[in-house]
Protein backbone atom coordinates (compact mmCIF):
# COMPACT_ATOMS: atom_id res chain seq x y z
CA MET A 1 17.06 1.16 -4.97
CA ASN A 2 13.61 0.85 -6.48
CA THR A 3 10.69 3.07 -5.45
CA VAL A 4 9.10 0.50 -3.04
CA ASP A 5 12.45 0.01 -1.31
CA GLN A 6 12.77 3.79 -0.98
CA LEU A 7 9.36 4.02 0.56
CA ARG A 8 10.22 1.10 2.88
CA LYS A 9 13.35 2.98 3.99
CA CYS A 10 11.26 6.13 4.59
CA GLY A 11 8.80 4.16 6.65
CA ILE A 12 5.95 6.67 6.74
CA VAL A 13 4.27 7.99 3.69
CA PRO A 14 2.38 11.26 4.26
CA VAL A 15 -1.01 11.08 2.64
CA VAL A 16 -1.68 14.69 1.44
CA VAL A 17 -4.72 16.59 0.31
CA ILE A 18 -3.76 19.79 -1.46
CA ASN A 19 -6.43 22.34 -2.38
CA LYS A 20 -4.07 24.92 -3.86
CA VAL A 21 -1.12 24.27 -6.14
CA GLU A 22 0.99 26.86 -4.26
CA GLU A 23 0.81 24.68 -1.16
CA ALA A 24 2.77 21.77 -2.70
CA VAL A 25 6.36 23.14 -2.62
CA PRO A 26 6.37 24.56 0.94
CA LEU A 27 4.68 21.34 2.13
CA ALA A 28 7.39 19.24 0.52
CA LYS A 29 10.10 21.39 2.12
CA ALA A 30 8.50 21.07 5.51
CA LEU A 31 8.32 17.32 5.20
CA LEU A 32 11.94 17.19 4.08
CA ALA A 33 13.08 19.40 6.90
CA GLY A 34 11.33 17.05 9.32
CA GLY A 35 13.01 13.99 7.83
CA ILE A 36 10.52 12.53 5.40
CA ASN A 37 11.33 12.46 1.71
CA CYS A 38 8.10 11.08 0.25
CA ALA A 39 4.48 12.06 -0.22
CA GLU A 40 1.23 10.70 -1.67
CA ILE A 41 -0.81 13.43 -3.16
CA THR A 42 -4.39 12.27 -3.40
CA PHE A 43 -6.66 12.84 -6.44
CA ARG A 44 -9.33 14.26 -4.19
CA THR A 45 -9.02 17.89 -5.35
CA GLU A 46 -8.72 19.62 -8.69
CA ALA A 47 -5.26 20.80 -7.72
CA ALA A 48 -3.86 17.32 -7.34
CA ALA A 49 -2.25 16.79 -10.81
CA ASP A 50 -0.64 20.27 -10.82
CA ALA A 51 0.49 19.81 -7.25
CA ILE A 52 2.26 16.55 -8.21
CA ALA A 53 3.98 18.34 -11.02
CA ALA A 54 5.10 21.20 -8.84
CA MET A 55 6.41 19.01 -6.09
CA ALA A 56 8.22 16.64 -8.44
CA LYS A 57 9.83 19.52 -10.42
CA GLU A 58 10.63 22.00 -7.62
CA VAL A 59 11.67 19.58 -4.90
CA PRO A 60 13.51 16.78 -6.69
CA ASP A 61 14.60 15.12 -3.44
CA MET A 62 11.01 14.11 -2.87
CA ILE A 63 9.60 10.78 -3.94
CA VAL A 64 6.17 11.91 -5.21
CA GLY A 65 3.24 9.58 -5.73
CA ALA A 66 -0.40 9.84 -6.51
CA GLY A 67 -3.15 8.54 -4.28
CA THR A 68 -6.86 7.83 -4.81
CA VAL A 69 -6.05 6.78 -8.39
CA LEU A 70 -9.30 5.40 -9.70
CA THR A 71 -8.88 5.47 -13.45
CA VAL A 72 -6.27 4.81 -16.17
CA GLU A 73 -6.51 8.47 -17.10
CA GLN A 74 -5.60 9.53 -13.60
CA ALA A 75 -2.68 7.13 -13.56
CA GLU A 76 -1.34 8.37 -16.91
CA LEU A 77 -1.80 12.07 -15.82
CA ALA A 78 -0.05 11.40 -12.53
CA VAL A 79 2.96 9.75 -14.13
CA LYS A 80 3.14 12.44 -16.84
CA ASN A 81 3.37 15.00 -14.04
CA GLY A 82 6.15 13.25 -12.25
CA ALA A 83 4.56 10.59 -9.90
CA THR A 84 6.79 7.53 -9.39
CA PHE A 85 4.19 5.43 -7.51
CA LEU A 86 0.47 5.10 -7.63
CA VAL A 87 -1.96 4.21 -4.80
CA SER A 88 -5.51 3.13 -5.20
CA PRO A 89 -8.23 2.28 -2.59
CA GLY A 90 -9.16 -0.93 -4.41
CA ILE A 91 -8.27 -3.46 -7.02
CA ASP A 92 -8.74 -2.35 -10.61
CA GLU A 93 -7.13 -4.51 -13.34
CA ASP A 94 -6.94 -1.67 -15.84
CA VAL A 95 -5.19 0.72 -13.45
CA ILE A 96 -2.78 -1.95 -12.25
CA LYS A 97 -1.87 -2.86 -15.82
CA ALA A 98 -1.51 0.85 -16.64
CA ALA A 99 0.98 1.26 -13.81
CA GLU A 100 2.99 -1.65 -15.07
CA ARG A 101 2.95 -0.19 -18.62
CA LEU A 102 3.98 3.22 -17.26
CA GLY A 103 6.82 1.63 -15.28
CA VAL A 104 5.81 2.90 -11.83
CA ALA A 105 5.10 1.14 -8.56
CA MET A 106 1.45 0.34 -7.75
CA LEU A 107 -0.14 -0.13 -4.35
CA PRO A 108 -3.81 -1.24 -4.79
CA GLY A 109 -6.04 -1.44 -1.79
CA ALA A 110 -7.36 -4.74 -0.43
CA VAL A 111 -9.00 -5.75 2.77
CA THR A 112 -10.31 -9.26 2.06
CA PRO A 113 -8.77 -12.58 0.92
CA THR A 114 -10.75 -12.38 -2.35
CA GLU A 115 -9.33 -9.01 -3.19
CA MET A 116 -5.79 -10.20 -2.35
CA ILE A 117 -6.14 -13.22 -4.65
CA GLN A 118 -7.34 -10.88 -7.38
CA GLY A 119 -4.30 -8.73 -6.84
CA MET A 120 -2.02 -11.74 -6.71
CA LYS A 121 -3.17 -12.80 -10.12
CA LEU A 122 -2.10 -9.40 -11.41
CA GLY A 123 1.38 -9.63 -9.83
CA ILE A 124 0.71 -7.61 -6.73
CA LYS A 125 2.50 -8.53 -3.47
CA LEU A 126 2.22 -5.26 -1.56
CA PHE A 127 -1.22 -4.00 -0.69
CA LYS A 128 -2.64 -0.82 0.83
CA PHE A 129 -4.91 -1.81 3.69
CA PHE A 130 -7.46 0.92 3.81
CA PRO A 131 -9.20 2.15 5.90
CA ALA A 132 -7.12 0.31 8.43
CA GLY A 133 -8.88 1.57 11.46
CA ASN A 134 -12.31 0.63 10.21
CA TYR A 135 -11.31 -2.90 9.10
CA GLY A 136 -9.73 -4.01 12.38
CA GLY A 137 -6.23 -2.63 12.06
CA ILE A 138 -3.18 -4.73 12.82
CA LYS A 139 -5.31 -7.65 14.16
CA THR A 140 -7.00 -8.12 10.76
CA ILE A 141 -3.69 -7.63 8.88
CA LYS A 142 -2.07 -10.43 10.94
CA SER A 143 -5.00 -12.67 10.18
CA LEU A 144 -4.73 -12.00 6.45
CA ALA A 145 -0.98 -12.39 6.48
CA ALA A 146 -1.22 -15.98 7.82
CA PRO A 147 -2.36 -17.58 4.55
CA PHE A 148 -0.66 -15.02 2.32
CA THR A 149 2.88 -15.29 3.55
CA ALA A 150 4.45 -13.58 0.59
CA PHE A 151 2.43 -10.38 0.92
CA GLU A 152 3.27 -7.12 2.58
CA PHE A 153 0.99 -4.33 3.72
CA CYS A 154 0.81 -0.54 3.90
CA PRO A 155 -1.97 0.32 6.42
CA THR A 156 -3.52 3.70 5.93
CA GLY A 157 -6.52 5.42 7.58
CA GLY A 158 -6.50 5.54 11.35
CA VAL A 159 -2.74 5.19 11.67
CA SER A 160 -1.30 7.73 14.14
CA LEU A 161 1.75 8.50 16.25
CA GLU A 162 0.00 6.79 19.17
CA ASN A 163 -0.60 3.41 17.38
CA LEU A 164 2.46 3.39 15.16
CA ALA A 165 4.17 0.77 17.27
CA ASP A 166 1.23 -1.61 16.85
CA TYR A 167 1.75 -1.66 13.13
CA LEU A 168 5.52 -1.43 12.80
CA SER A 169 6.09 -4.25 15.30
CA PHE A 170 4.74 -6.61 12.65
CA LYS A 171 7.32 -7.45 10.02
CA LYS A 172 4.82 -7.74 7.21
CA ILE A 173 4.16 -4.01 7.39
CA ALA A 174 6.37 -2.57 4.67
CA PHE A 175 5.55 0.97 5.70
CA VAL A 176 2.54 2.98 6.80
CA GLY A 177 0.56 5.81 5.31
CA GLY A 178 -0.87 8.63 7.32
CA SER A 179 -1.86 12.24 7.41
CA TRP A 180 -1.40 13.14 11.09
CA MET A 181 1.84 15.02 10.42
CA CYS A 182 0.24 17.14 7.67
CA PRO A 183 -3.49 17.54 8.37
CA ALA A 184 -5.50 19.54 5.91
CA ASN A 185 -6.02 22.45 8.30
CA LEU A 186 -2.29 23.03 8.88
CA ILE A 187 -1.70 22.87 5.09
CA SER A 188 -4.52 25.34 4.30
CA GLU A 189 -3.23 27.68 7.06
CA GLY A 190 0.34 27.44 5.81
CA LYS A 191 1.63 26.27 9.21
CA TRP A 192 4.79 24.69 7.76
CA ASP A 193 6.73 24.91 10.99
CA GLU A 194 4.12 22.85 12.76
CA ILE A 195 4.11 20.30 9.99
CA GLU A 196 7.89 20.08 10.16
CA GLU A 197 7.70 19.44 13.91
CA LEU A 198 5.03 16.79 13.59
CA THR A 199 7.02 15.15 10.85
CA ARG A 200 10.16 15.16 13.05
CA GLN A 201 8.21 13.45 15.82
CA ALA A 202 6.97 10.78 13.46
CA VAL A 203 10.45 10.15 12.16
CA THR A 204 11.92 9.92 15.70
CA ARG A 205 9.28 7.43 16.64
CA PHE A 206 9.83 5.42 13.48
CA ARG A 207 13.53 5.23 14.09
CA GLU A 208 12.91 3.96 17.67
CA LEU A 209 10.73 1.24 16.36
CA ARG A 210 12.76 0.26 13.33
CA PRO A 211 16.34 1.30 14.01
CA ALA A 212 17.61 -1.02 11.23
CA ASN A 213 16.04 1.34 8.62
């Protein structure tokens, strides 16, 4: 099973902001205990690269990816540290080609037909749709999917337990990304039990909506 299929099976990819490296391992263990075995650690803090390395090394059952990848240098560092998928908020040819060269899955962001055509020319068929809430959510995704029948989407930004059904009811949604089960304040306060419970609630809802997974 390739990385994208593993993420599809997981269904929900936690989008994580880690400020301290020592938060990475207990967070991964809390997510696993709640039933999710993947995480996207965003390059929004100085701790991101080391957090990827710690999570990938210390919790090998986790599928660890890097988010907010804006440069080739970040892509290379993430993969060197153990990331097996990369996520970017937009289309960047150099980053996409770097991911291909490095042998990892790539989810670039796109919210317009023009961006999707750019991605298509680079071999992309699965797009991050971000920020989903600001760009019309599932209604916009369905409109975009009509002419691009071969494409799948990972909506991120504004996805929550409350609107999960809106997204997962559409078959072109490969999986979703979200941070509601591991918000920054719970991570910084070390409230791993609460994160585990929120994760468990998310997994329960996902299995109700997509029992075939």
